[in-house]
């Protein structure tokens, strides 16, 4: 997503956290897929019609990159992600559902 439309990091990580809360306890791959599909169904009404072509077609990942960099003292780590084009579409839909303008990042 271009930097001028990238929401602040706390919103991106809240989005990722929401996805994880829905899927992390799934005991099987099928249960994980079902939980993820339920999450996507919940936010689908907020997907912009202009973004629909990005989601149609082949399966996709949420991230193009995800890096974990441990702190020198080993007590924590920095996490950075690069959303895939499809992940960016879903983030914008998630933001709209929460009443946040995805471009301005304000309600």
N, C-alpha and C. Protein backbone atom coordinates (compact mmCIF):
# COMPACT_ATOMS: atom_id res chain seq x y z
N UNK A 1 0.85 -1.16 0.00
CA UNK A 1 0.00 0.00 0.00
C UNK A 1 0.90 1.23 0.00
N UNK A 2 0.59 2.25 -0.80
CA UNK A 2 1.43 3.44 -0.79
C UNK A 2 1.48 4.09 0.57
N UNK A 3 2.60 4.74 0.87
CA UNK A 3 2.79 5.30 2.20
C UNK A 3 1.74 6.35 2.55
N UNK A 4 1.21 7.10 1.55
CA UNK A 4 0.24 8.13 1.88
C UNK A 4 -1.09 7.55 2.34
N UNK A 5 -1.34 6.27 2.10
CA UNK A 5 -2.59 5.67 2.56
C UNK A 5 -2.37 4.57 3.59
N UNK A 6 -1.15 4.42 4.05
CA UNK A 6 -0.86 3.40 5.06
C UNK A 6 -1.32 3.88 6.42
N UNK A 7 -2.25 3.14 7.05
CA UNK A 7 -2.70 3.55 8.38
C UNK A 7 -1.57 3.46 9.39
N UNK A 8 -1.70 4.18 10.50
CA UNK A 8 -0.69 4.09 11.54
C UNK A 8 -0.51 2.63 12.00
N UNK A 9 0.69 2.31 12.41
CA UNK A 9 1.00 0.95 12.81
C UNK A 9 0.04 0.36 13.84
N UNK A 10 -0.40 1.11 14.85
CA UNK A 10 -1.32 0.50 15.82
C UNK A 10 -2.58 -0.06 15.16
N UNK A 11 -3.09 0.61 14.13
CA UNK A 11 -4.28 0.10 13.45
C UNK A 11 -3.97 -1.16 12.65
N UNK A 12 -2.81 -1.20 12.02
CA UNK A 12 -2.42 -2.40 11.28
C UNK A 12 -2.29 -3.58 12.24
N UNK A 13 -1.64 -3.36 13.38
CA UNK A 13 -1.46 -4.45 14.32
C UNK A 13 -2.76 -4.84 15.01
N UNK A 14 -3.69 -3.89 15.17
CA UNK A 14 -5.01 -4.26 15.70
C UNK A 14 -5.74 -5.14 14.70
N UNK A 15 -5.62 -4.83 13.43
CA UNK A 15 -6.21 -5.66 12.37
C UNK A 15 -5.64 -7.07 12.42
N UNK A 16 -4.31 -7.16 12.45
CA UNK A 16 -3.66 -8.47 12.50
C UNK A 16 -4.08 -9.22 13.77
N UNK A 17 -4.14 -8.51 14.90
CA UNK A 17 -4.59 -9.11 16.15
C UNK A 17 -6.00 -9.65 16.05
N UNK A 18 -6.87 -8.92 15.37
CA UNK A 18 -8.25 -9.37 15.19
C UNK A 18 -8.29 -10.66 14.37
N UNK A 19 -7.50 -10.70 13.31
CA UNK A 19 -7.42 -11.93 12.50
C UNK A 19 -6.91 -13.09 13.36
N UNK A 20 -5.85 -12.84 14.13
CA UNK A 20 -5.27 -13.90 14.96
C UNK A 20 -6.24 -14.39 16.04
N UNK A 21 -6.96 -13.46 16.66
CA UNK A 21 -7.94 -13.87 17.69
C UNK A 21 -8.97 -14.82 17.12
N UNK A 22 -9.32 -14.62 15.86
CA UNK A 22 -10.33 -15.46 15.23
C UNK A 22 -9.78 -16.82 14.81
N UNK A 23 -8.49 -16.92 14.59
CA UNK A 23 -7.94 -18.13 13.97
C UNK A 23 -6.95 -18.91 14.82
N UNK A 24 -6.38 -18.30 15.84
CA UNK A 24 -5.24 -18.91 16.53
C UNK A 24 -5.57 -20.21 17.27
N UNK A 25 -6.79 -20.35 17.75
CA UNK A 25 -7.15 -21.55 18.50
C UNK A 25 -7.74 -22.66 17.63
N UNK A 26 -7.71 -22.48 16.33
CA UNK A 26 -8.25 -23.51 15.43
C UNK A 26 -7.38 -24.76 15.53
N UNK A 27 -7.99 -25.91 15.86
CA UNK A 27 -7.20 -27.12 16.08
C UNK A 27 -6.73 -27.81 14.80
N UNK A 28 -7.34 -27.49 13.67
CA UNK A 28 -6.97 -28.13 12.40
C UNK A 28 -6.89 -27.08 11.30
N UNK A 29 -6.29 -27.47 10.19
CA UNK A 29 -6.21 -26.55 9.05
C UNK A 29 -7.62 -26.21 8.55
N UNK A 30 -8.52 -27.17 8.55
CA UNK A 30 -9.89 -26.92 8.11
C UNK A 30 -10.59 -25.94 9.05
N UNK A 31 -10.38 -26.08 10.34
CA UNK A 31 -10.99 -25.17 11.31
C UNK A 31 -10.40 -23.76 11.16
N UNK A 32 -9.12 -23.68 10.89
CA UNK A 32 -8.47 -22.39 10.66
C UNK A 32 -9.07 -21.73 9.44
N UNK A 33 -9.20 -22.46 8.37
CA UNK A 33 -9.77 -21.93 7.13
C UNK A 33 -11.21 -21.45 7.36
N UNK A 34 -11.97 -22.24 8.11
CA UNK A 34 -13.36 -21.87 8.40
C UNK A 34 -13.42 -20.58 9.24
N UNK A 35 -12.56 -20.46 10.23
CA UNK A 35 -12.53 -19.26 11.06
C UNK A 35 -12.13 -18.04 10.23
N UNK A 36 -11.16 -18.21 9.36
CA UNK A 36 -10.73 -17.10 8.50
C UNK A 36 -11.83 -16.71 7.53
N UNK A 37 -12.51 -17.69 6.96
CA UNK A 37 -13.61 -17.39 6.04
C UNK A 37 -14.74 -16.66 6.76
N UNK A 38 -15.01 -17.01 8.02
CA UNK A 38 -16.05 -16.32 8.80
C UNK A 38 -15.64 -14.87 9.04
N UNK A 39 -14.36 -14.64 9.35
CA UNK A 39 -13.86 -13.28 9.54
C UNK A 39 -14.02 -12.48 8.25
N UNK A 40 -13.63 -13.06 7.14
CA UNK A 40 -13.73 -12.37 5.85
C UNK A 40 -15.18 -12.07 5.50
N UNK A 41 -16.08 -12.99 5.81
CA UNK A 41 -17.50 -12.76 5.56
C UNK A 41 -18.02 -11.58 6.38
N UNK A 42 -17.52 -11.44 7.61
CA UNK A 42 -17.95 -10.34 8.46
C UNK A 42 -17.54 -8.97 7.92
N UNK A 43 -16.37 -8.89 7.30
CA UNK A 43 -15.92 -7.58 6.82
C UNK A 43 -16.25 -7.36 5.34
N UNK A 44 -16.74 -8.37 4.64
CA UNK A 44 -16.99 -8.23 3.20
C UNK A 44 -17.97 -7.11 2.86
N UNK A 45 -18.97 -6.78 3.68
CA UNK A 45 -19.85 -5.66 3.31
C UNK A 45 -19.10 -4.32 3.24
N UNK A 46 -17.93 -4.23 3.82
CA UNK A 46 -17.17 -2.98 3.82
C UNK A 46 -16.07 -2.96 2.76
N UNK A 47 -15.99 -3.99 1.93
CA UNK A 47 -15.02 -3.98 0.83
C UNK A 47 -15.56 -3.05 -0.25
N UNK A 48 -14.74 -2.12 -0.66
CA UNK A 48 -15.12 -1.19 -1.72
C UNK A 48 -15.32 -1.95 -3.03
N UNK A 49 -16.36 -1.62 -3.78
CA UNK A 49 -16.55 -2.29 -5.08
C UNK A 49 -15.33 -2.14 -5.99
N UNK A 50 -14.61 -1.03 -5.84
CA UNK A 50 -13.40 -0.85 -6.66
C UNK A 50 -12.30 -1.83 -6.28
N UNK A 51 -12.33 -2.34 -5.04
CA UNK A 51 -11.32 -3.28 -4.57
C UNK A 51 -11.65 -4.74 -4.86
N UNK A 52 -12.88 -5.02 -5.23
CA UNK A 52 -13.30 -6.41 -5.44
C UNK A 52 -12.42 -7.18 -6.43
N UNK A 53 -12.02 -6.59 -7.57
CA UNK A 53 -11.18 -7.36 -8.50
C UNK A 53 -9.87 -7.84 -7.87
N UNK A 54 -9.36 -7.14 -6.88
CA UNK A 54 -8.11 -7.55 -6.23
C UNK A 54 -8.31 -8.85 -5.44
N UNK A 55 -9.52 -9.07 -4.93
CA UNK A 55 -9.78 -10.24 -4.11
C UNK A 55 -10.25 -11.46 -4.90
N UNK A 56 -10.68 -11.24 -6.13
CA UNK A 56 -11.22 -12.34 -6.94
C UNK A 56 -10.07 -13.10 -7.59
N UNK A 57 -10.21 -14.40 -7.61
CA UNK A 57 -9.21 -15.21 -8.30
C UNK A 57 -8.49 -16.16 -7.37
N UNK A 58 -7.20 -16.19 -7.50
CA UNK A 58 -6.36 -17.15 -6.78
C UNK A 58 -6.34 -16.87 -5.28
N UNK A 59 -6.07 -17.91 -4.48
CA UNK A 59 -5.86 -17.69 -3.04
C UNK A 59 -4.73 -16.69 -2.84
N UNK A 60 -4.73 -16.03 -1.69
CA UNK A 60 -3.74 -15.00 -1.44
C UNK A 60 -3.31 -15.05 0.02
N UNK A 61 -2.22 -14.34 0.30
CA UNK A 61 -1.76 -14.18 1.67
C UNK A 61 -2.05 -12.75 2.12
N UNK A 62 -2.07 -12.53 3.43
CA UNK A 62 -2.27 -11.17 3.94
C UNK A 62 -1.00 -10.34 3.83
N UNK A 63 0.16 -11.00 3.86
CA UNK A 63 1.44 -10.28 3.88
C UNK A 63 2.30 -10.62 2.68
N UNK A 64 3.00 -9.61 2.19
CA UNK A 64 4.07 -9.84 1.22
C UNK A 64 5.36 -10.14 1.97
N UNK A 65 5.47 -9.58 3.20
CA UNK A 65 6.65 -9.83 4.03
C UNK A 65 6.26 -9.67 5.50
N UNK A 66 6.92 -10.42 6.35
CA UNK A 66 6.73 -10.34 7.79
C UNK A 66 8.07 -10.65 8.44
N UNK A 67 8.61 -9.69 9.18
CA UNK A 67 9.93 -9.85 9.80
C UNK A 67 9.88 -9.66 11.31
N UNK A 68 10.61 -10.49 12.01
CA UNK A 68 10.75 -10.40 13.46
C UNK A 68 12.22 -10.13 13.75
N UNK A 69 12.51 -9.01 14.41
CA UNK A 69 13.88 -8.64 14.73
C UNK A 69 14.02 -8.60 16.25
N UNK A 70 14.74 -9.57 16.83
CA UNK A 70 14.90 -9.58 18.29
C UNK A 70 15.67 -8.37 18.79
N UNK A 71 15.29 -7.89 19.97
CA UNK A 71 16.06 -6.84 20.64
C UNK A 71 17.38 -7.45 21.12
N UNK A 72 18.37 -6.62 21.29
CA UNK A 72 19.71 -7.09 21.69
C UNK A 72 19.66 -7.86 23.01
N UNK A 73 18.77 -7.45 23.93
CA UNK A 73 18.72 -8.13 25.23
C UNK A 73 17.89 -9.41 25.20
N UNK A 74 17.26 -9.71 24.06
CA UNK A 74 16.52 -10.94 23.92
C UNK A 74 15.17 -10.98 24.61
N UNK A 75 14.72 -9.87 25.17
CA UNK A 75 13.47 -9.88 25.92
C UNK A 75 12.25 -9.58 25.06
N UNK A 76 12.47 -9.03 23.88
CA UNK A 76 11.35 -8.65 23.02
C UNK A 76 11.83 -8.63 21.59
N UNK A 77 10.94 -8.29 20.68
CA UNK A 77 11.32 -8.18 19.29
C UNK A 77 10.45 -7.15 18.58
N UNK A 78 10.99 -6.59 17.52
CA UNK A 78 10.24 -5.70 16.66
C UNK A 78 9.62 -6.53 15.55
N UNK A 79 8.40 -6.21 15.20
CA UNK A 79 7.71 -6.92 14.13
C UNK A 79 7.38 -5.90 13.06
N UNK A 80 7.68 -6.26 11.83
CA UNK A 80 7.29 -5.39 10.71
C UNK A 80 6.60 -6.25 9.66
N UNK A 81 5.58 -5.69 9.05
CA UNK A 81 4.85 -6.41 8.02
C UNK A 81 4.68 -5.51 6.81
N UNK A 82 4.60 -6.14 5.66
CA UNK A 82 4.22 -5.48 4.42
C UNK A 82 2.98 -6.23 3.95
N UNK A 83 1.86 -5.52 3.93
CA UNK A 83 0.62 -6.16 3.51
C UNK A 83 0.65 -6.44 2.02
N UNK A 84 0.09 -7.57 1.62
CA UNK A 84 -0.10 -7.85 0.21
C UNK A 84 -1.18 -6.92 -0.32
N UNK A 85 -1.35 -6.79 -1.62
CA UNK A 85 -2.45 -5.97 -2.14
C UNK A 85 -3.81 -6.43 -1.59
N UNK A 86 -4.00 -7.73 -1.47
CA UNK A 86 -5.26 -8.26 -0.93
C UNK A 86 -5.38 -7.96 0.56
N UNK A 87 -4.26 -8.07 1.28
CA UNK A 87 -4.26 -7.74 2.69
C UNK A 87 -4.61 -6.28 2.92
N UNK A 88 -4.13 -5.40 2.03
CA UNK A 88 -4.45 -3.97 2.14
C UNK A 88 -5.94 -3.73 1.90
N UNK A 89 -6.53 -4.45 0.96
CA UNK A 89 -7.98 -4.34 0.71
C UNK A 89 -8.75 -4.74 1.97
N UNK A 90 -8.35 -5.85 2.58
CA UNK A 90 -9.05 -6.32 3.78
C UNK A 90 -8.85 -5.38 4.96
N UNK A 91 -7.65 -4.82 5.08
CA UNK A 91 -7.42 -3.83 6.13
C UNK A 91 -8.35 -2.63 5.95
N UNK A 92 -8.46 -2.13 4.72
CA UNK A 92 -9.34 -0.98 4.48
C UNK A 92 -10.79 -1.33 4.80
N UNK A 93 -11.24 -2.53 4.46
CA UNK A 93 -12.61 -2.95 4.80
C UNK A 93 -12.77 -3.03 6.31
N UNK A 94 -11.78 -3.57 7.00
CA UNK A 94 -11.82 -3.68 8.47
C UNK A 94 -11.90 -2.30 9.10
N UNK A 95 -11.14 -1.34 8.56
CA UNK A 95 -11.18 0.03 9.06
C UNK A 95 -12.56 0.65 8.84
N UNK A 96 -13.11 0.46 7.64
CA UNK A 96 -14.44 1.01 7.36
C UNK A 96 -15.47 0.45 8.33
N UNK A 97 -15.40 -0.85 8.61
CA UNK A 97 -16.34 -1.48 9.55
C UNK A 97 -16.25 -0.82 10.92
N UNK A 98 -15.07 -0.37 11.28
CA UNK A 98 -14.88 0.30 12.58
C UNK A 98 -15.18 1.79 12.53
N UNK A 99 -15.60 2.28 11.36
CA UNK A 99 -15.94 3.69 11.22
C UNK A 99 -14.74 4.59 11.02
N UNK A 100 -13.64 4.02 10.54
CA UNK A 100 -12.41 4.78 10.31
C UNK A 100 -12.22 4.92 8.80
N UNK A 101 -12.00 6.14 8.34
CA UNK A 101 -11.72 6.38 6.94
C UNK A 101 -10.33 5.81 6.63
N UNK A 102 -10.22 4.86 5.71
CA UNK A 102 -8.93 4.22 5.46
C UNK A 102 -7.86 5.15 4.89
N UNK A 103 -8.25 6.24 4.28
CA UNK A 103 -7.27 7.17 3.72
C UNK A 103 -6.83 8.18 4.78
N UNK A 104 -7.80 8.71 5.50
CA UNK A 104 -7.50 9.75 6.50
C UNK A 104 -7.19 9.15 7.87
N UNK A 105 -7.57 7.88 8.09
CA UNK A 105 -7.40 7.21 9.38
C UNK A 105 -8.08 7.98 10.50
N UNK A 106 -9.27 8.47 10.20
CA UNK A 106 -10.06 9.16 11.22
C UNK A 106 -11.52 8.81 11.01
N UNK A 107 -12.29 8.98 12.05
CA UNK A 107 -13.72 8.68 11.94
C UNK A 107 -14.50 9.89 11.53
